[in-house]
C-alpha atoms as a PDB file:
ATOM      1  CA  MET A   1     -30.069 -15.704  -5.560  1.00  0.00           C
ATOM      2  CA  PHE A   2     -28.900 -13.385  -8.312  1.00  0.00           C
ATOM      3  CA  LEU A   3     -27.161 -14.698 -11.421  1.00  0.00           C
ATOM      4  CA  ARG A   4     -25.555 -13.117 -14.446  1.00  0.00           C
ATOM      5  CA  VAL A   5     -25.997 -15.295 -17.523  1.00  0.00           C
ATOM      6  CA  ARG A   6     -23.985 -14.604 -20.684  1.00  0.00           C
ATOM      7  CA  VAL A   7     -25.617 -15.993 -23.813  1.00  0.00           C
ATOM      8  CA  SER A   8     -24.559 -15.905 -27.461  1.00  0.00           C
ATOM      9  CA  VAL A   9     -27.457 -16.097 -29.923  1.00  0.00           C
ATOM     10  CA  PRO A  10     -28.001 -15.584 -33.652  1.00  0.00           C
ATOM     11  CA  ASP A  11     -28.520 -11.859 -34.286  1.00  0.00           C
ATOM     12  CA  GLN A  12     -32.000 -12.155 -35.745  1.00  0.00           C
ATOM     13  CA  PRO A  13     -35.530 -11.069 -34.826  1.00  0.00           C
ATOM     14  CA  GLY A  14     -37.049 -13.135 -32.039  1.00  0.00           C
ATOM     15  CA  ALA A  15     -33.777 -14.582 -30.707  1.00  0.00           C
ATOM     16  CA  LEU A  16     -33.825 -12.479 -27.544  1.00  0.00           C
ATOM     17  CA  GLY A  17     -37.467 -13.376 -26.984  1.00  0.00           C
ATOM     18  CA  ARG A  18     -36.713 -17.097 -27.235  1.00  0.00           C
ATOM     19  CA  VAL A  19     -34.024 -16.740 -24.574  1.00  0.00           C
ATOM     20  CA  ALA A  20     -36.413 -14.829 -22.315  1.00  0.00           C
ATOM     21  CA  VAL A  21     -39.118 -17.481 -22.713  1.00  0.00           C
ATOM     22  CA  ALA A  22     -36.652 -20.291 -21.965  1.00  0.00           C
ATOM     23  CA  MET A  23     -35.401 -18.496 -18.868  1.00  0.00           C
ATOM     24  CA  GLY A  24     -38.929 -17.954 -17.622  1.00  0.00           C
ATOM     25  CA  TYR A  25     -39.822 -21.583 -18.257  1.00  0.00           C
ATOM     26  CA  ALA A  26     -36.761 -22.684 -16.265  1.00  0.00           C
ATOM     27  CA  GLY A  27     -37.758 -20.458 -13.336  1.00  0.00           C
ATOM     28  CA  ALA A  28     -35.563 -17.388 -13.815  1.00  0.00           C
ATOM     29  CA  ASP A  29     -36.940 -13.869 -13.437  1.00  0.00           C
ATOM     30  CA  ILE A  30     -35.115 -11.409 -15.713  1.00  0.00           C
ATOM     31  CA  LEU A  31     -34.161  -8.121 -14.052  1.00  0.00           C
ATOM     32  CA  GLU A  32     -31.898  -6.626 -16.713  1.00  0.00           C
ATOM     33  CA  VAL A  33     -30.484  -7.337 -20.174  1.00  0.00           C
ATOM     34  CA  VAL A  34     -27.190  -5.868 -21.418  1.00  0.00           C
ATOM     35  CA  VAL A  35     -26.221  -6.211 -25.077  1.00  0.00           C
ATOM     36  CA  LEU A  36     -22.433  -6.555 -25.101  1.00  0.00           C
ATOM     37  CA  GLU A  37     -21.774  -7.178 -28.770  1.00  0.00           C
ATOM     38  CA  ARG A  38     -23.361  -7.602 -32.188  1.00  0.00           C
ATOM     39  CA  ALA A  39     -20.970  -8.923 -34.816  1.00  0.00           C
ATOM     40  CA  SER A  40     -20.690 -11.568 -37.537  1.00  0.00           C
ATOM     41  CA  GLY A  41     -24.372 -12.430 -37.358  1.00  0.00           C
ATOM     42  CA  ARG A  42     -24.388 -13.100 -33.607  1.00  0.00           C
ATOM     43  CA  ALA A  43     -25.250 -11.156 -30.462  1.00  0.00           C
ATOM     44  CA  LEU A  44     -23.684 -11.553 -27.022  1.00  0.00           C
ATOM     45  CA  ASP A  45     -26.034 -10.618 -24.185  1.00  0.00           C
ATOM     46  CA  ASP A  46     -25.795 -10.601 -20.398  1.00  0.00           C
ATOM     47  CA  PHE A  47     -28.981 -11.353 -18.453  1.00  0.00           C
ATOM     48  CA  ILE A  48     -29.208 -10.500 -14.768  1.00  0.00           C
ATOM     49  CA  VAL A  49     -31.815 -12.771 -13.207  1.00  0.00           C
ATOM     50  CA  THR A  50     -33.167 -13.969  -9.904  1.00  0.00           C
ATOM     51  CA  TRP A  51     -32.955 -17.738  -9.511  1.00  0.00           C
ATOM     52  CA  PRO A  52     -34.489 -20.011  -6.847  1.00  0.00           C
ATOM     53  CA  ASP A  53     -31.872 -20.859  -4.212  1.00  0.00           C
ATOM     54  CA  ALA A  54     -32.791 -24.545  -4.170  1.00  0.00           C
ATOM     55  CA  ALA A  55     -32.804 -25.017  -7.947  1.00  0.00           C
ATOM     56  CA  PRO A  56     -29.664 -26.300  -9.713  1.00  0.00           C
ATOM     57  CA  VAL A  57     -28.205 -23.740 -12.110  1.00  0.00           C
ATOM     58  CA  SER A  58     -27.581 -26.588 -14.548  1.00  0.00           C
ATOM     59  CA  SER A  59     -31.334 -26.763 -15.227  1.00  0.00           C
ATOM     60  CA  LEU A  60     -31.237 -23.171 -16.497  1.00  0.00           C
ATOM     61  CA  CYS A  61     -28.283 -24.000 -18.756  1.00  0.00           C
ATOM     62  CA  ASP A  62     -30.074 -27.112 -20.049  1.00  0.00           C
ATOM     63  CA  GLU A  63     -33.146 -25.060 -20.945  1.00  0.00           C
ATOM     64  CA  LEU A  64     -31.047 -22.476 -22.798  1.00  0.00           C
ATOM     65  CA  ALA A  65     -29.127 -25.216 -24.624  1.00  0.00           C
ATOM     66  CA  GLY A  66     -32.416 -26.260 -26.201  1.00  0.00           C
ATOM     67  CA  ILE A  67     -32.623 -22.993 -28.166  1.00  0.00           C
ATOM     68  CA  ASP A  68     -31.436 -23.435 -31.729  1.00  0.00           C
ATOM     69  CA  GLY A  69     -28.151 -21.586 -32.237  1.00  0.00           C
ATOM     70  CA  ALA A  70     -27.819 -20.431 -28.605  1.00  0.00           C
ATOM     71  CA  HIS A  71     -24.658 -20.935 -26.568  1.00  0.00           C
ATOM     72  CA  VAL A  72     -24.260 -20.249 -22.835  1.00  0.00           C
ATOM     73  CA  ALA A  73     -20.905 -18.476 -22.508  1.00  0.00           C
ATOM     74  CA  GLY A  74     -21.012 -18.324 -18.719  1.00  0.00           C
ATOM     75  CA  VAL A  75     -23.090 -18.150 -15.553  1.00  0.00           C
ATOM     76  CA  TRP A  76     -21.946 -16.636 -12.281  1.00  0.00           C
ATOM     77  CA  HIS A  77     -23.412 -15.605  -8.944  1.00  0.00           C
ATOM     78  CA  LEU A  78     -23.801 -11.955  -7.976  1.00  0.00           C
ATOM     79  CA  ALA A  79     -23.568 -10.619  -4.460  1.00  0.00           C
ATOM     80  CA  GLU A  80     -25.846  -7.734  -5.444  1.00  0.00           C
ATOM     81  CA  VAL A  81     -27.760  -6.473  -8.451  1.00  0.00           C
ATOM     82  CA  PRO A  82     -26.103  -3.616 -10.368  1.00  0.00           C
ATOM     83  CA  SER A  83     -27.960  -0.315 -10.302  1.00  0.00           C
ATOM     84  CA  PRO A  84     -29.802   0.402 -13.571  1.00  0.00           C
ATOM     85  CA  HIS A  85     -28.166   3.841 -13.406  1.00  0.00           C
ATOM     86  CA  VAL A  86     -24.631   2.671 -12.665  1.00  0.00           C
ATOM     87  CA  ASP A  87     -22.751   5.845 -13.529  1.00  0.00           C
ATOM     88  CA  THR A  88     -25.095   8.103 -11.546  1.00  0.00           C
ATOM     89  CA  ALA A  89     -24.968   5.750  -8.567  1.00  0.00           C
ATOM     90  CA  VAL A  90     -21.178   5.642  -8.673  1.00  0.00           C
ATOM     91  CA  PHE A  91     -20.712   9.409  -8.839  1.00  0.00           C
ATOM     92  CA  GLY A  92     -23.196   9.865  -6.015  1.00  0.00           C
ATOM     93  CA  GLY A  93     -21.047   7.745  -3.699  1.00  0.00           C
ATOM     94  CA  LEU A  94     -17.620   9.236  -4.459  1.00  0.00           C
ATOM     95  CA  ARG A  95     -15.540  11.554  -2.330  1.00  0.00           C
ATOM     96  CA  GLU A  96     -12.219  10.774  -4.051  1.00  0.00           C
ATOM     97  CA  PRO A  97     -11.105   8.563  -6.983  1.00  0.00           C
ATOM     98  CA  ALA A  98     -10.046   5.716  -4.662  1.00  0.00           C
ATOM     99  CA  ASP A  99     -13.683   5.395  -3.504  1.00  0.00           C
ATOM    100  CA  LEU A 100     -14.410   3.844  -6.908  1.00  0.00           C
ATOM    101  CA  VAL A 101     -12.786   0.642  -5.598  1.00  0.00           C
ATOM    102  CA  ASP A 102     -15.688   0.087  -3.193  1.00  0.00           C
ATOM    103  CA  LEU A 103     -18.355   0.793  -5.812  1.00  0.00           C
ATOM    104  CA  VAL A 104     -17.018  -1.205  -8.771  1.00  0.00           C
ATOM    105  CA  PRO A 105     -17.966  -4.722  -7.573  1.00  0.00           C
ATOM    106  CA  GLY A 106     -21.659  -3.897  -7.304  1.00  0.00           C
ATOM    107  CA  ALA A 107     -21.725  -1.766 -10.437  1.00  0.00           C
ATOM    108  CA  PHE A 108     -19.848  -4.196 -12.696  1.00  0.00           C
ATOM    109  CA  SER A 109     -20.836  -7.636 -11.360  1.00  0.00           C
ATOM    110  CA  ALA A 110     -17.328  -8.189 -10.008  1.00  0.00           C
ATOM    111  CA  ASP A 111     -16.423 -10.176  -6.909  1.00  0.00           C
ATOM    112  CA  TRP A 112     -13.997  -7.543  -5.642  1.00  0.00           C
ATOM    113  CA  ALA A 113     -11.673  -4.733  -6.714  1.00  0.00           C
ATOM    114  CA  VAL A 114      -8.321  -3.265  -5.710  1.00  0.00           C
ATOM    115  CA  LEU A 115      -6.392  -0.092  -6.451  1.00  0.00           C
ATOM    116  CA  VAL A 116      -2.732  -0.822  -7.180  1.00  0.00           C
ATOM    117  CA  ASP A 117       0.157   1.640  -7.102  1.00  0.00           C
ATOM    118  CA  ALA A 118       3.655   0.460  -8.075  1.00  0.00           C
ATOM    119  CA  GLY A 119       2.748  -3.185  -7.461  1.00  0.00           C
ATOM    120  CA  ARG A 120       1.288  -2.519  -3.999  1.00  0.00           C
ATOM    121  CA  VAL A 121      -2.391  -2.674  -3.018  1.00  0.00           C
ATOM    122  CA  GLU A 122      -3.374   0.811  -1.908  1.00  0.00           C
ATOM    123  CA  ARG A 123      -7.042   0.063  -1.322  1.00  0.00           C
ATOM    124  CA  ALA A 124      -9.226  -3.041  -1.492  1.00  0.00           C
ATOM    125  CA  SER A 125     -12.973  -3.585  -1.577  1.00  0.00           C
ATOM    126  CA  ARG A 126     -14.914  -6.009   0.572  1.00  0.00           C
ATOM    127  CA  ARG A 127     -14.283  -9.683  -0.264  1.00  0.00           C
ATOM    128  CA  ALA A 128     -10.825  -8.959  -1.703  1.00  0.00           C
ATOM    129  CA  PRO A 129      -8.426 -11.725  -0.615  1.00  0.00           C
ATOM    130  CA  GLU A 130      -5.955 -10.986   2.154  1.00  0.00           C
ATOM    131  CA  PRO A 131      -3.046 -11.072   1.854  1.00  0.00           C
ATOM    132  CA  PHE A 132      -3.093 -10.360  -1.857  1.00  0.00           C
ATOM    133  CA  GLU A 133      -0.237  -9.964  -4.297  1.00  0.00           C
ATOM    134  CA  PRO A 134      -1.663  -8.180  -7.331  1.00  0.00           C
ATOM    135  CA  PRO A 135      -0.916  -9.556 -10.791  1.00  0.00           C
ATOM    136  CA  ARG A 136       0.992  -7.343 -13.190  1.00  0.00           C
ATOM    137  CA  PRO A 137      -1.325  -6.011 -15.901  1.00  0.00           C
ATOM    138  CA  ARG A 138       0.020  -4.695 -19.187  1.00  0.00           C
ATOM    139  CA  ASP A 139       0.956  -1.030 -19.441  1.00  0.00           C
ATOM    140  CA  ASP A 140      -0.847  -0.392 -22.730  1.00  0.00           C
ATOM    141  CA  GLY A 141      -4.164   0.927 -21.441  1.00  0.00           C
ATOM    142  CA  PRO A 142      -7.480  -0.623 -20.386  1.00  0.00           C
ATOM    143  CA  HIS A 143      -7.685  -4.373 -20.963  1.00  0.00           C
ATOM    144  CA  ALA A 144      -8.990  -7.677 -19.629  1.00  0.00           C
ATOM    145  CA  PHE A 145      -6.795 -10.616 -18.694  1.00  0.00           C
ATOM    146  CA  THR A 146      -6.865 -13.913 -16.831  1.00  0.00           C
ATOM    147  CA  ALA A 147      -4.354 -14.570 -14.047  1.00  0.00           C
ATOM    148  CA  PRO A 148      -2.618 -17.971 -13.763  1.00  0.00           C
ATOM    149  CA  GLY A 149      -5.031 -19.044 -10.999  1.00  0.00           C
ATOM    150  CA  GLY A 150      -8.023 -18.428 -13.274  1.00  0.00           C
ATOM    151  CA  THR A 151      -9.270 -15.140 -11.792  1.00  0.00           C
ATOM    152  CA  ARG A 152     -10.566 -12.770 -14.480  1.00  0.00           C
ATOM    153  CA  TYR A 153      -9.511  -9.124 -14.324  1.00  0.00           C
ATOM    154  CA  ALA A 154     -10.362  -5.802 -15.924  1.00  0.00           C
ATOM    155  CA  ALA A 155      -7.499  -3.304 -15.579  1.00  0.00           C
ATOM    156  CA  VAL A 156      -7.954   0.434 -16.130  1.00  0.00           C
ATOM    157  CA  PRO A 157      -5.937   3.538 -15.191  1.00  0.00           C
ATOM    158  CA  LEU A 158      -7.304   5.549 -12.258  1.00  0.00           C
ATOM    159  CA  ALA A 159      -5.635   8.772 -11.124  1.00  0.00           C
ATOM    160  CA  GLY A 160      -2.109   7.570 -11.934  1.00  0.00           C
ATOM    161  CA  ARG A 161      -2.664   4.097 -10.499  1.00  0.00           C
ATOM    162  CA  THR A 162      -4.322   0.895 -11.751  1.00  0.00           C
ATOM    163  CA  LEU A 163      -7.825  -0.215 -10.832  1.00  0.00           C
ATOM    164  CA  LEU A 164      -8.339  -3.980 -10.995  1.00  0.00           C
ATOM    165  CA  ALA A 165     -11.856  -5.433 -10.980  1.00  0.00           C
ATOM    166  CA  ALA A 166     -11.911  -9.196 -10.399  1.00  0.00           C
ATOM    167  CA  ARG A 167     -14.277 -12.085 -11.074  1.00  0.00           C
ATOM    168  CA  VAL A 168     -13.845 -15.634  -9.841  1.00  0.00           C
ATOM    169  CA  ALA A 169     -15.550 -18.575 -11.590  1.00  0.00           C
ATOM    170  CA  ALA A 170     -16.916 -16.299 -14.305  1.00  0.00           C
ATOM    171  CA  PRO A 171     -16.300 -15.524 -17.972  1.00  0.00           C
ATOM    172  CA  PRO A 172     -13.702 -12.884 -18.908  1.00  0.00           C
ATOM    173  CA  PHE A 173     -14.641  -9.221 -18.818  1.00  0.00           C
ATOM    174  CA  HIS A 174     -15.941  -8.255 -22.239  1.00  0.00           C
ATOM    175  CA  ALA A 175     -14.339  -5.362 -24.139  1.00  0.00           C
ATOM    176  CA  ALA A 176     -17.571  -3.374 -23.720  1.00  0.00           C
ATOM    177  CA  GLU A 177     -17.370  -3.761 -19.928  1.00  0.00           C
ATOM    178  CA  VAL A 178     -13.695  -2.775 -19.846  1.00  0.00           C
ATOM    179  CA  GLY A 179     -14.436   0.241 -22.025  1.00  0.00           C
ATOM    180  CA  ARG A 180     -17.274   1.366 -19.776  1.00  0.00           C
ATOM    181  CA  LEU A 181     -15.116   0.987 -16.669  1.00  0.00           C
ATOM    182  CA  ALA A 182     -12.280   2.931 -18.327  1.00  0.00           C
ATOM    183  CA  VAL A 183     -14.592   5.805 -19.278  1.00  0.00           C
ATOM    184  CA  LEU A 184     -15.969   5.921 -15.743  1.00  0.00           C
ATOM    185  CA  ALA A 185     -12.479   5.884 -14.186  1.00  0.00           C
ATOM    186  CA  ALA A 186     -11.318   8.658 -16.522  1.00  0.00           C
ATOM    187  CA  ALA A 187     -14.385  10.757 -15.691  1.00  0.00           C
ATOM    188  CA  VAL A 188     -13.862  10.264 -11.954  1.00  0.00           C
ATOM    189  CA  THR A 189     -10.209  11.312 -12.307  1.00  0.00           C
ATOM    190  CA  THR A 190     -11.164  14.426 -14.292  1.00  0.00           C
ATOM    191  CA  VAL A 191     -13.879  15.460 -11.839  1.00  0.00           C
ATOM    192  CA  ALA A 192     -11.503  15.036  -8.889  1.00  0.00           C
ATOM    193  CA  ARG A 193      -8.764  17.037 -10.639  1.00  0.00           C
ATOM    194  CA  THR A 194     -11.195  19.831 -11.525  1.00  0.00           C
ATOM    195  CA  ALA A 195     -12.490  19.982  -7.953  1.00  0.00           C
ATOM    196  CA  CYS A 196      -8.933  20.185  -6.637  1.00  0.00           C
ATOM    197  CA  GLU A 197      -7.990  22.964  -9.065  1.00  0.00           C
ATOM    198  CA  SER A 198     -11.147  24.900  -8.174  1.00  0.00           C
ATOM    199  CA  SER A 199     -10.353  24.707  -4.473  1.00  0.00           C
ATOM    200  CA  LEU A 200      -6.879  26.113  -5.116  1.00  0.00           C
ATOM    201  CA  ALA A 201      -8.093  28.956  -7.344  1.00  0.00           C
END
């Protein structure tokens, strides 16, 4: 199975290596590392790993807990491994901005995504719940929030509507992830608008 493991460690030489060694000792095979944040003497990193199906995830957490100064901020299952070239992969699969809904879960380690217009679901990815009443995100730009039921969301504008990426039983979307999704959504909107204007010229 694939896991995404979020770990906070002291921001010092060798800390990342100690996490990698502990993961390997526990039985995890690291596929990708994403540095989300470096601030106040600490680093927050996401590790995408393969993990034996029969092994309890708690044994991985126990191994990481043995690292001095390390803290496991969250572990969640992934349906698929994100492409190492997320933005290129996303643009290659788009015909219109709404297509981003289908590509976001795999690219951003989300469980599902929906495109919302005026409180109504316009498009939903695979594994999105049905029926689904979308939560109301704030209107002040890209942000992450947690719905009353515990589902974590990243909300970004997309072509005059709102794109919601969702995670269940996972840590909140980090500001770096929300920012990356917002930049991608804005780029997709711009490319689509330019293509439309060119076709009308």
